[in-house]
PDB file of all heavy atoms in Angstrom:
ATOM      1  N   LEU A   1    -118.901  32.424  17.804  1.00  0.00           N
ATOM      2  CA  LEU A   1    -118.727  33.719  18.457  1.00  0.00           C
ATOM      3  C   LEU A   1    -118.367  33.628  19.924  1.00  0.00           C
ATOM      4  O   LEU A   1    -117.483  34.347  20.405  1.00  0.00           O
ATOM      5  CB  LEU A   1    -120.063  34.545  18.356  1.00  0.00           C
ATOM      6  CG  LEU A   1    -120.396  35.178  17.018  1.00  0.00           C
ATOM      7  CD1 LEU A   1    -121.703  35.968  17.167  1.00  0.00           C
ATOM      8  CD2 LEU A   1    -119.294  36.082  16.549  1.00  0.00           C
ATOM      9  N   LEU A   2    -118.960  32.674  20.621  1.00  0.00           N
ATOM     10  CA  LEU A   2    -118.677  32.517  22.048  1.00  0.00           C
ATOM     11  C   LEU A   2    -117.212  32.142  22.214  1.00  0.00           C
ATOM     12  O   LEU A   2    -116.554  32.660  23.131  1.00  0.00           O
ATOM     13  CB  LEU A   2    -119.569  31.405  22.627  1.00  0.00           C
ATOM     14  CG  LEU A   2    -121.099  31.679  22.613  1.00  0.00           C
ATOM     15  CD1 LEU A   2    -121.839  30.519  23.248  1.00  0.00           C
ATOM     16  CD2 LEU A   2    -121.445  32.979  23.259  1.00  0.00           C
ATOM     17  N   GLN A   3    -116.718  31.347  21.370  1.00  0.00           N
ATOM     18  CA  GLN A   3    -115.303  30.943  21.418  1.00  0.00           C
ATOM     19  C   GLN A   3    -114.397  32.087  21.068  1.00  0.00           C
ATOM     20  O   GLN A   3    -113.385  32.337  21.757  1.00  0.00           O
ATOM     21  CB  GLN A   3    -115.029  29.729  20.530  1.00  0.00           C
ATOM     22  CG  GLN A   3    -113.622  29.186  20.616  1.00  0.00           C
ATOM     23  CD  GLN A   3    -113.438  27.930  19.839  1.00  0.00           C
ATOM     24  OE1 GLN A   3    -114.348  27.394  19.181  1.00  0.00           O
ATOM     25  NE2 GLN A   3    -112.200  27.394  19.880  1.00  0.00           N
ATOM     26  N   ASP A   4    -114.723  32.777  20.005  1.00  0.00           N
ATOM     27  CA  ASP A   4    -113.864  33.862  19.491  1.00  0.00           C
ATOM     28  C   ASP A   4    -113.743  34.983  20.507  1.00  0.00           C
ATOM     29  O   ASP A   4    -112.665  35.632  20.651  1.00  0.00           O
ATOM     30  CB  ASP A   4    -114.442  34.462  18.190  1.00  0.00           C
ATOM     31  CG  ASP A   4    -114.304  33.479  17.043  1.00  0.00           C
ATOM     32  OD1 ASP A   4    -113.555  32.463  17.179  1.00  0.00           O
ATOM     33  OD2 ASP A   4    -114.933  33.695  16.029  1.00  0.00           O
ATOM     34  N   TYR A   5    -114.830  35.277  21.244  1.00  0.00           N
ATOM     35  CA  TYR A   5    -114.838  36.366  22.229  1.00  0.00           C
ATOM     36  C   TYR A   5    -114.687  35.911  23.621  1.00  0.00           C
ATOM     37  O   TYR A   5    -114.917  36.706  24.584  1.00  0.00           O
ATOM     38  CB  TYR A   5    -116.067  37.235  22.015  1.00  0.00           C
ATOM     39  CG  TYR A   5    -116.053  38.042  20.723  1.00  0.00           C
ATOM     40  CD1 TYR A   5    -116.622  37.532  19.519  1.00  0.00           C
ATOM     41  CD2 TYR A   5    -115.434  39.273  20.655  1.00  0.00           C
ATOM     42  CE1 TYR A   5    -116.558  38.254  18.337  1.00  0.00           C
ATOM     43  CE2 TYR A   5    -115.400  40.033  19.499  1.00  0.00           C
ATOM     44  CZ  TYR A   5    -115.957  39.517  18.351  1.00  0.00           C
ATOM     45  OH  TYR A   5    -115.914  40.242  17.178  1.00  0.00           O
ATOM     46  N   ASN A   6    -114.336  34.653  23.835  1.00  0.00           N
ATOM     47  CA  ASN A   6    -114.053  34.102  25.157  1.00  0.00           C
ATOM     48  C   ASN A   6    -115.183  34.313  26.155  1.00  0.00           C
ATOM     49  O   ASN A   6    -115.021  34.705  27.318  1.00  0.00           O
ATOM     50  CB  ASN A   6    -112.750  34.778  25.707  1.00  0.00           C
ATOM     51  CG  ASN A   6    -112.170  33.965  26.855  1.00  0.00           C
ATOM     52  OD1 ASN A   6    -112.286  32.716  26.871  1.00  0.00           O
ATOM     53  ND2 ASN A   6    -111.532  34.676  27.788  1.00  0.00           N
ATOM     54  N   ILE A   7    -116.439  33.997  25.732  1.00  0.00           N
ATOM     55  CA  ILE A   7    -117.590  34.044  26.602  1.00  0.00           C
ATOM     56  C   ILE A   7    -117.701  32.690  27.230  1.00  0.00           C
ATOM     57  O   ILE A   7    -118.021  31.668  26.550  1.00  0.00           O
ATOM     58  CB  ILE A   7    -118.877  34.402  25.803  1.00  0.00           C
ATOM     59  CG1 ILE A   7    -118.700  35.755  25.077  1.00  0.00           C
ATOM     60  CG2 ILE A   7    -120.080  34.406  26.749  1.00  0.00           C
ATOM     61  CD1 ILE A   7    -118.518  36.901  25.992  1.00  0.00           C
ATOM     62  N   ARG A   8    -117.515  32.592  28.525  1.00  0.00           N
ATOM     63  CA  ARG A   8    -117.437  31.354  29.274  1.00  0.00           C
ATOM     64  C   ARG A   8    -118.685  30.987  30.046  1.00  0.00           C
ATOM     65  O   ARG A   8    -118.901  29.813  30.426  1.00  0.00           O
ATOM     66  CB  ARG A   8    -116.281  31.411  30.272  1.00  0.00           C
ATOM     67  CG  ARG A   8    -114.942  31.681  29.647  1.00  0.00           C
ATOM     68  CD  ARG A   8    -114.469  30.573  28.767  1.00  0.00           C
ATOM     69  NE  ARG A   8    -113.088  30.754  28.331  1.00  0.00           N
ATOM     70  CZ  ARG A   8    -112.499  29.943  27.496  1.00  0.00           C
ATOM     71  NH1 ARG A   8    -113.067  28.867  27.011  1.00  0.00           N
ATOM     72  NH2 ARG A   8    -111.260  30.161  27.080  1.00  0.00           N
ATOM     73  N   LYS A   9    -119.552  31.944  30.318  1.00  0.00           N
ATOM     74  CA  LYS A   9    -120.683  31.652  31.229  1.00  0.00           C
ATOM     75  C   LYS A   9    -121.906  31.058  30.513  1.00  0.00           C
ATOM     76  O   LYS A   9    -122.848  30.744  31.200  1.00  0.00           O
ATOM     77  CB  LYS A   9    -121.121  32.942  31.955  1.00  0.00           C
ATOM     78  CG  LYS A   9    -120.103  33.322  33.063  1.00  0.00           C
ATOM     79  CD  LYS A   9    -120.646  34.478  33.900  1.00  0.00           C
ATOM     80  CE  LYS A   9    -119.735  34.858  35.029  1.00  0.00           C
ATOM     81  NZ  LYS A   9    -120.200  36.029  35.795  1.00  0.00           N
ATOM     82  N   VAL A  10    -121.923  30.975  29.239  1.00  0.00           N
ATOM     83  CA  VAL A  10    -123.061  30.351  28.581  1.00  0.00           C
ATOM     84  C   VAL A  10    -122.987  28.879  28.786  1.00  0.00           C
ATOM     85  O   VAL A  10    -122.171  28.142  28.191  1.00  0.00           O
ATOM     86  CB  VAL A  10    -123.038  30.697  27.028  1.00  0.00           C
ATOM     87  CG1 VAL A  10    -124.177  29.919  26.362  1.00  0.00           C
ATOM     88  CG2 VAL A  10    -123.207  32.170  26.778  1.00  0.00           C
ATOM     89  N   GLY A  11    -123.809  28.414  29.663  1.00  0.00           N
ATOM     90  CA  GLY A  11    -123.821  26.990  30.025  1.00  0.00           C
ATOM     91  C   GLY A  11    -124.636  26.144  29.072  1.00  0.00           C
ATOM     92  O   GLY A  11    -124.374  24.965  28.870  1.00  0.00           O
ATOM     93  N   LYS A  12    -125.652  26.756  28.397  1.00  0.00           N
ATOM     94  CA  LYS A  12    -126.514  25.985  27.545  1.00  0.00           C
ATOM     95  C   LYS A  12    -126.905  26.858  26.304  1.00  0.00           C
ATOM     96  O   LYS A  12    -127.202  28.027  26.473  1.00  0.00           O
ATOM     97  CB  LYS A  12    -127.761  25.509  28.227  1.00  0.00           C
ATOM     98  CG  LYS A  12    -127.444  24.451  29.288  1.00  0.00           C
ATOM     99  CD  LYS A  12    -128.746  23.925  29.899  1.00  0.00           C
ATOM    100  CE  LYS A  12    -128.394  22.861  30.990  1.00  0.00           C
ATOM    101  NZ  LYS A  12    -129.611  22.319  31.605  1.00  0.00           N
ATOM    102  N   LEU A  13    -126.865  26.266  25.123  1.00  0.00           N
ATOM    103  CA  LEU A  13    -127.451  26.832  23.924  1.00  0.00           C
ATOM    104  C   LEU A  13    -128.738  26.060  23.700  1.00  0.00           C
ATOM    105  O   LEU A  13    -128.739  24.861  23.401  1.00  0.00           O
ATOM    106  CB  LEU A  13    -126.537  26.678  22.753  1.00  0.00           C
ATOM    107  CG  LEU A  13    -125.324  27.672  22.705  1.00  0.00           C
ATOM    108  CD1 LEU A  13    -124.437  27.290  21.533  1.00  0.00           C
ATOM    109  CD2 LEU A  13    -125.805  29.099  22.561  1.00  0.00           C
ATOM    110  N   VAL A  14    -129.896  26.767  23.777  1.00  0.00           N
ATOM    111  CA  VAL A  14    -131.170  26.129  23.746  1.00  0.00           C
ATOM    112  C   VAL A  14    -131.870  26.495  22.445  1.00  0.00           C
ATOM    113  O   VAL A  14    -131.797  27.650  21.991  1.00  0.00           O
ATOM    114  CB  VAL A  14    -132.004  26.554  24.951  1.00  0.00           C
ATOM    115  CG1 VAL A  14    -133.428  25.962  24.885  1.00  0.00           C
ATOM    116  CG2 VAL A  14    -131.342  26.149  26.208  1.00  0.00           C
ATOM    117  N   ARG A  15    -132.605  25.555  21.876  1.00  0.00           N
ATOM    118  CA  ARG A  15    -133.351  25.759  20.635  1.00  0.00           C
ATOM    119  C   ARG A  15    -134.480  26.717  20.872  1.00  0.00           C
ATOM    120  O   ARG A  15    -135.337  26.467  21.805  1.00  0.00           O
ATOM    121  CB  ARG A  15    -133.833  24.424  20.100  1.00  0.00           C
ATOM    122  CG  ARG A  15    -134.642  24.514  18.773  1.00  0.00           C
ATOM    123  CD  ARG A  15    -135.282  23.158  18.458  1.00  0.00           C
ATOM    124  NE  ARG A  15    -135.994  23.208  17.195  1.00  0.00           N
ATOM    125  CZ  ARG A  15    -135.482  22.702  16.076  1.00  0.00           C
ATOM    126  NH1 ARG A  15    -134.265  22.162  16.069  1.00  0.00           N
ATOM    127  NH2 ARG A  15    -136.162  22.747  14.948  1.00  0.00           N
ATOM    128  N   GLY A  16    -134.622  27.790  20.107  1.00  0.00           N
ATOM    129  CA  GLY A  16    -135.697  28.734  20.288  1.00  0.00           C
ATOM    130  C   GLY A  16    -136.963  28.310  19.693  1.00  0.00           C
ATOM    131  O   GLY A  16    -137.052  27.432  18.817  1.00  0.00           O
ATOM    132  N   GLY A  17    -138.060  28.941  20.130  1.00  0.00           N
ATOM    133  CA  GLY A  17    -139.386  28.645  19.676  1.00  0.00           C
ATOM    134  C   GLY A  17    -139.773  29.685  18.577  1.00  0.00           C
ATOM    135  O   GLY A  17    -139.001  30.541  18.174  1.00  0.00           O
ATOM    136  N   LYS A  18    -141.004  29.582  18.108  1.00  0.00           N
ATOM    137  CA  LYS A  18    -141.495  30.435  17.018  1.00  0.00           C
ATOM    138  C   LYS A  18    -141.551  31.901  17.476  1.00  0.00           C
ATOM    139  O   LYS A  18    -141.238  32.823  16.756  1.00  0.00           O
ATOM    140  CB  LYS A  18    -142.799  29.972  16.483  1.00  0.00           C
ATOM    141  CG  LYS A  18    -143.346  30.742  15.320  1.00  0.00           C
ATOM    142  CD  LYS A  18    -144.662  30.172  14.811  1.00  0.00           C
ATOM    143  CE  LYS A  18    -145.212  30.967  13.605  1.00  0.00           C
ATOM    144  NZ  LYS A  18    -146.551  30.429  13.173  1.00  0.00           N
ATOM    145  N   GLU A  19    -142.017  32.069  18.703  1.00  0.00           N
ATOM    146  CA  GLU A  19    -142.171  33.453  19.286  1.00  0.00           C
ATOM    147  C   GLU A  19    -141.264  33.580  20.520  1.00  0.00           C
ATOM    148  O   GLU A  19    -140.825  32.574  21.100  1.00  0.00           O
ATOM    149  CB  GLU A  19    -143.652  33.694  19.703  1.00  0.00           C
ATOM    150  CG  GLU A  19    -144.612  33.584  18.524  1.00  0.00           C
ATOM    151  CD  GLU A  19    -144.408  34.653  17.454  1.00  0.00           C
ATOM    152  OE1 GLU A  19    -143.808  35.683  17.751  1.00  0.00           O
ATOM    153  OE2 GLU A  19    -144.872  34.386  16.335  1.00  0.00           O
ATOM    154  N   ARG A  20    -141.040  34.848  20.941  1.00  0.00           N
ATOM    155  CA  ARG A  20    -140.188  35.085  22.103  1.00  0.00           C
ATOM    156  C   ARG A  20    -140.676  34.315  23.346  1.00  0.00           C
ATOM    157  O   ARG A  20    -139.902  33.788  24.092  1.00  0.00           O
ATOM    158  CB  ARG A  20    -140.119  36.595  22.388  1.00  0.00           C
ATOM    159  CG  ARG A  20    -139.272  36.971  23.543  1.00  0.00           C
ATOM    160  CD  ARG A  20    -139.417  38.459  23.889  1.00  0.00           C
ATOM    161  NE  ARG A  20    -138.453  38.874  24.905  1.00  0.00           N
ATOM    162  CZ  ARG A  20    -138.647  38.745  26.216  1.00  0.00           C
ATOM    163  NH1 ARG A  20    -139.730  38.130  26.655  1.00  0.00           N
ATOM    164  NH2 ARG A  20    -137.741  39.192  27.095  1.00  0.00           N
ATOM    165  N   GLN A  21    -141.994  34.347  23.596  1.00  0.00           N
ATOM    166  CA  GLN A  21    -142.529  33.676  24.730  1.00  0.00           C
ATOM    167  C   GLN A  21    -142.138  32.232  24.783  1.00  0.00           C
ATOM    168  O   GLN A  21    -141.774  31.701  25.839  1.00  0.00           O
ATOM    169  CB  GLN A  21    -144.044  33.867  24.816  1.00  0.00           C
ATOM    170  CG  GLN A  21    -144.713  33.243  26.017  1.00  0.00           C
ATOM    171  CD  GLN A  21    -146.199  33.589  26.101  1.00  0.00           C
ATOM    172  OE1 GLN A  21    -146.581  34.694  25.635  1.00  0.00           O
ATOM    173  NE2 GLN A  21    -146.996  32.718  26.638  1.00  0.00           N
ATOM    174  N   GLN A  22    -142.252  31.560  23.677  1.00  0.00           N
ATOM    175  CA  GLN A  22    -141.907  30.140  23.591  1.00  0.00           C
ATOM    176  C   GLN A  22    -140.388  29.941  23.790  1.00  0.00           C
ATOM    177  O   GLN A  22    -139.981  28.974  24.422  1.00  0.00           O
ATOM    178  CB  GLN A  22    -142.302  29.591  22.223  1.00  0.00           C
ATOM    179  CG  GLN A  22    -143.804  29.627  21.974  1.00  0.00           C
ATOM    180  CD  GLN A  22    -144.197  29.363  20.526  1.00  0.00           C
ATOM    181  OE1 GLN A  22    -143.370  29.586  19.622  1.00  0.00           O
ATOM    182  NE2 GLN A  22    -145.378  28.941  20.269  1.00  0.00           N
ATOM    183  N   SER A  23    -139.579  30.875  23.302  1.00  0.00           N
ATOM    184  CA  SER A  23    -138.135  30.773  23.472  1.00  0.00           C
ATOM    185  C   SER A  23    -137.734  30.870  24.953  1.00  0.00           C
ATOM    186  O   SER A  23    -136.906  30.100  25.421  1.00  0.00           O
ATOM    187  CB  SER A  23    -137.434  31.818  22.628  1.00  0.00           C
ATOM    188  OG  SER A  23    -137.538  31.611  21.230  1.00  0.00           O
ATOM    189  N   VAL A  24    -138.318  31.859  25.609  1.00  0.00           N
ATOM    190  CA  VAL A  24    -138.052  31.998  27.038  1.00  0.00           C
ATOM    191  C   VAL A  24    -138.457  30.743  27.827  1.00  0.00           C
ATOM    192  O   VAL A  24    -137.731  30.259  28.653  1.00  0.00           O
ATOM    193  CB  VAL A  24    -138.748  33.221  27.599  1.00  0.00           C
ATOM    194  CG1 VAL A  24    -138.564  33.314  29.159  1.00  0.00           C
ATOM    195  CG2 VAL A  24    -138.174  34.545  26.997  1.00  0.00           C
ATOM    196  N   TYR A  25    -139.618  30.213  27.497  1.00  0.00           N
ATOM    197  CA  TYR A  25    -140.135  29.033  28.173  1.00  0.00           C
ATOM    198  C   TYR A  25    -139.155  27.871  28.001  1.00  0.00           C
ATOM    199  O   TYR A  25    -138.860  27.152  28.898  1.00  0.00           O
ATOM    200  CB  TYR A  25    -141.512  28.651  27.620  1.00  0.00           C
ATOM    201  CG  TYR A  25    -142.267  27.567  28.319  1.00  0.00           C
ATOM    202  CD1 TYR A  25    -142.003  27.295  29.668  1.00  0.00           C
ATOM    203  CD2 TYR A  25    -143.198  26.800  27.663  1.00  0.00           C
ATOM    204  CE1 TYR A  25    -142.666  26.259  30.310  1.00  0.00           C
ATOM    205  CE2 TYR A  25    -143.919  25.805  28.264  1.00  0.00           C
ATOM    206  CZ  TYR A  25    -143.676  25.549  29.628  1.00  0.00           C
ATOM    207  OH  TYR A  25    -144.305  24.520  30.292  1.00  0.00           O
ATOM    208  N   GLU A  26    -138.616  27.671  26.762  1.00  0.00           N
ATOM    209  CA  GLU A  26    -137.638  26.647  26.532  1.00  0.00           C
ATOM    210  C   GLU A  26    -136.397  26.891  27.341  1.00  0.00           C
ATOM    211  O   GLU A  26    -135.788  25.912  27.837  1.00  0.00           O
ATOM    212  CB  GLU A  26    -137.275  26.580  25.022  1.00  0.00           C
ATOM    213  CG  GLU A  26    -138.453  26.073  24.121  1.00  0.00           C
ATOM    214  CD  GLU A  26    -138.960  24.722  24.537  1.00  0.00           C
ATOM    215  OE1 GLU A  26    -138.137  23.864  24.851  1.00  0.00           O
ATOM    216  OE2 GLU A  26    -140.174  24.518  24.548  1.00  0.00           O
ATOM    217  N   GLY A  27    -136.003  28.100  27.477  1.00  0.00           N
ATOM    218  CA  GLY A  27    -134.816  28.406  28.275  1.00  0.00           C
ATOM    219  C   GLY A  27    -135.058  28.087  29.734  1.00  0.00           C
ATOM    220  O   GLY A  27    -134.179  27.574  30.437  1.00  0.00           O
ATOM    221  N   LEU A  28    -136.192  28.417  30.248  1.00  0.00           N
ATOM    222  CA  LEU A  28    -136.526  28.148  31.650  1.00  0.00           C
ATOM    223  C   LEU A  28    -136.538  26.653  31.920  1.00  0.00           C
ATOM    224  O   LEU A  28    -136.076  26.192  32.969  1.00  0.00           O
ATOM    225  CB  LEU A  28    -137.903  28.764  31.999  1.00  0.00           C
ATOM    226  CG  LEU A  28    -138.003  30.271  31.993  1.00  0.00           C
ATOM    227  CD1 LEU A  28    -139.459  30.714  32.122  1.00  0.00           C
ATOM    228  CD2 LEU A  28    -137.139  30.887  33.124  1.00  0.00           C
ATOM    229  N   LYS A  29    -137.078  25.878  30.976  1.00  0.00           N
ATOM    230  CA  LYS A  29    -137.150  24.454  31.169  1.00  0.00           C
ATOM    231  C   LYS A  29    -135.791  23.822  31.142  1.00  0.00           C
ATOM    232  O   LYS A  29    -135.552  22.739  31.745  1.00  0.00           O
ATOM    233  CB  LYS A  29    -138.072  23.815  30.111  1.00  0.00           C
ATOM    234  CG  LYS A  29    -139.527  24.146  30.263  1.00  0.00           C
ATOM    235  CD  LYS A  29    -140.396  23.334  29.303  1.00  0.00           C
ATOM    236  CE  LYS A  29    -140.209  23.771  27.861  1.00  0.00           C
ATOM    237  NZ  LYS A  29    -141.185  23.043  26.972  1.00  0.00           N
ATOM    238  N   ALA A  30    -134.791  24.470  30.469  1.00  0.00           N
ATOM    239  CA  ALA A  30    -133.457  23.909  30.391  1.00  0.00           C
ATOM    240  C   ALA A  30    -132.659  24.209  31.666  1.00  0.00           C
ATOM    241  O   ALA A  30    -131.542  23.635  31.804  1.00  0.00           O
ATOM    242  CB  ALA A  30    -132.767  24.505  29.182  1.00  0.00           C
ATOM    243  N   MET A  31    -133.149  25.046  32.562  1.00  0.00           N
ATOM    244  CA  MET A  31    -132.429  25.440  33.762  1.00  0.00           C
ATOM    245  C   MET A  31    -132.642  24.420  34.892  1.00  0.00           C
ATOM    246  O   MET A  31    -133.661  23.729  34.883  1.00  0.00           O
ATOM    247  CB  MET A  31    -132.938  26.791  34.259  1.00  0.00           C
ATOM    248  CG  MET A  31    -132.483  27.989  33.502  1.00  0.00           C
ATOM    249  SD  MET A  31    -133.226  29.492  34.208  1.00  0.00           S
ATOM    250  CE  MET A  31    -132.721  29.361  35.938  1.00  0.00           C
ATOM    251  N   GLU A  32    -131.734  24.443  35.871  1.00  0.00           N
ATOM    252  CA  GLU A  32    -132.026  23.742  37.076  1.00  0.00           C
ATOM    253  C   GLU A  32    -133.012  24.542  37.890  1.00  0.00           C
ATOM    254  O   GLU A  32    -132.999  25.765  37.868  1.00  0.00           O
ATOM    255  CB  GLU A  32    -130.688  23.575  37.931  1.00  0.00           C
ATOM    256  CG  GLU A  32    -129.672  22.700  37.265  1.00  0.00           C
ATOM    257  CD  GLU A  32    -128.406  22.563  38.169  1.00  0.00           C
ATOM    258  OE1 GLU A  32    -128.481  23.060  39.326  1.00  0.00           O
ATOM    259  OE2 GLU A  32    -127.454  21.981  37.676  1.00  0.00           O
ATOM    260  N   GLU A  33    -133.949  23.901  38.514  1.00  0.00           N
ATOM    261  CA  GLU A  33    -135.073  24.555  39.223  1.00  0.00           C
ATOM    262  C   GLU A  33    -134.547  25.295  40.449  1.00  0.00           C
ATOM    263  O   GLU A  33    -133.614  24.826  41.094  1.00  0.00           O
ATOM    264  CB  GLU A  33    -136.153  23.595  39.610  1.00  0.00           C
ATOM    265  CG  GLU A  33    -136.817  22.908  38.378  1.00  0.00           C
ATOM    266  CD  GLU A  33    -138.305  22.953  38.463  1.00  0.00           C
ATOM    267  OE1 GLU A  33    -138.868  23.448  39.471  1.00  0.00           O
ATOM    268  OE2 GLU A  33    -138.943  22.503  37.514  1.00  0.00           O
ATOM    269  N   GLY A  34    -135.157  26.462  40.700  1.00  0.00           N
ATOM    270  CA  GLY A  34    -134.838  27.221  41.904  1.00  0.00           C
ATOM    271  C   GLY A  34    -133.992  28.440  41.676  1.00  0.00           C
ATOM    272  O   GLY A  34    -133.349  28.583  40.574  1.00  0.00           O
ATOM    273  N   GLY A  35    -133.943  29.331  42.620  1.00  0.00           N
ATOM    274  CA  GLY A  35    -133.142  30.538  42.537  1.00  0.00           C
ATOM    275  C   GLY A  35    -133.760  31.630  41.732  1.00  0.00           C
ATOM    276  O   GLY A  35    -134.896  31.512  41.280  1.00  0.00           O
ATOM    277  N   ILE A  36    -133.017  32.714  41.581  1.00  0.00           N
ATOM    278  CA  ILE A  36    -133.499  33.875  40.821  1.00  0.00           C
ATOM    279  C   ILE A  36    -133.047  33.717  39.397  1.00  0.00           C
ATOM    280  O   ILE A  36    -131.897  33.431  39.098  1.00  0.00           O
ATOM    281  CB  ILE A  36    -132.891  35.214  41.421  1.00  0.00           C
ATOM    282  CG1 ILE A  36    -133.371  35.397  42.870  1.00  0.00           C
ATOM    283  CG2 ILE A  36    -133.224  36.377  40.565  1.00  0.00           C
ATOM    284  CD1 ILE A  36    -134.876  35.600  42.982  1.00  0.00           C
ATOM    285  N   VAL A  37    -134.017  34.020  38.501  1.00  0.00           N
ATOM    286  CA  VAL A  37    -133.687  34.004  37.071  1.00  0.00           C
ATOM    287  C   VAL A  37    -134.035  35.360  36.499  1.00  0.00           C
ATOM    288  O   VAL A  37    -135.051  35.964  36.802  1.00  0.00           O
ATOM    289  CB  VAL A  37    -134.517  32.908  36.319  1.00  0.00           C
ATOM    290  CG1 VAL A  37    -135.993  33.056  36.505  1.00  0.00           C
ATOM    291  CG2 VAL A  37    -134.144  32.878  34.820  1.00  0.00           C
ATOM    292  N   LEU A  38    -133.133  35.903  35.669  1.00  0.00           N
ATOM    293  CA  LEU A  38    -133.370  37.077  34.867  1.00  0.00           C
ATOM    294  C   LEU A  38    -133.714  36.692  33.447  1.00  0.00           C
ATOM    295  O   LEU A  38    -133.185  35.706  32.947  1.00  0.00           O
ATOM    296  CB  LEU A  38    -132.150  37.974  34.878  1.00  0.00           C
ATOM    297  CG  LEU A  38    -132.009  38.998  36.040  1.00  0.00           C
ATOM    298  CD1 LEU A  38    -132.052  38.354  37.370  1.00  0.00           C
ATOM    299  CD2 LEU A  38    -130.770  39.898  35.807  1.00  0.00           C
ATOM    300  N   VAL A  39    -134.567  37.459  32.819  1.00  0.00           N
ATOM    301  CA  VAL A  39    -134.824  37.329  31.386  1.00  0.00           C
ATOM    302  C   VAL A  39    -134.434  38.673  30.756  1.00  0.00           C
ATOM    303  O   VAL A  39    -134.904  39.713  31.226  1.00  0.00           O
ATOM    304  CB  VAL A  39    -136.304  37.015  31.069  1.00  0.00           C
ATOM    305  CG1 VAL A  39    -136.501  36.872  29.606  1.00  0.00           C
ATOM    306  CG2 VAL A  39    -136.769  35.744  31.794  1.00  0.00           C
ATOM    307  N   HIS A  40    -133.558  38.612  29.788  1.00  0.00           N
ATOM    308  CA  HIS A  40    -133.018  39.840  29.194  1.00  0.00           C
ATOM    309  C   HIS A  40    -132.935  39.713  27.681  1.00  0.00           C
ATOM    310  O   HIS A  40    -132.498  38.693  27.142  1.00  0.00           O
ATOM    311  CB  HIS A  40    -131.624  40.141  29.787  1.00  0.00           C
ATOM    312  CG  HIS A  40    -131.061  41.488  29.322  1.00  0.00           C
ATOM    313  ND1 HIS A  40    -131.656  42.659  29.641  1.00  0.00           N
ATOM    314  CD2 HIS A  40    -129.960  41.743  28.535  1.00  0.00           C
ATOM    315  CE1 HIS A  40    -130.951  43.627  29.122  1.00  0.00           C
ATOM    316  NE2 HIS A  40    -129.903  43.084  28.416  1.00  0.00           N
ATOM    317  N   ASP A  41    -133.308  40.787  26.971  1.00  0.00           N
ATOM    318  CA  ASP A  41    -133.285  40.811  25.547  1.00  0.00           C
ATOM    319  C   ASP A  41    -131.822  40.805  25.077  1.00  0.00           C
ATOM    320  O   ASP A  41    -130.982  41.575  25.538  1.00  0.00           O
ATOM    321  CB  ASP A  41    -133.907  42.118  25.044  1.00  0.00           C
ATOM    322  CG  ASP A  41    -135.377  42.226  25.362  1.00  0.00           C
ATOM    323  OD1 ASP A  41    -136.056  41.178  25.378  1.00  0.00           O
ATOM    324  OD2 ASP A  41    -135.867  43.367  25.677  1.00  0.00           O
ATOM    325  N   GLY A  42    -131.558  39.937  24.084  1.00  0.00           N
ATOM    326  CA  GLY A  42    -130.227  39.900  23.531  1.00  0.00           C
ATOM    327  C   GLY A  42    -129.846  41.196  22.875  1.00  0.00           C
ATOM    328  O   GLY A  42    -128.656  41.463  22.702  1.00  0.00           O
TER     329      GLY A  42
END
């Protein structure tokens, strides 16, 4: 989908957890530390 619709800013595809909280945590750990982070529902 990312390729078909030319979405370029997705830097990482991260494996989700069982619950939303775990998924967000995995996403945060995959980031470089620092700066402002937004969490937004897909």
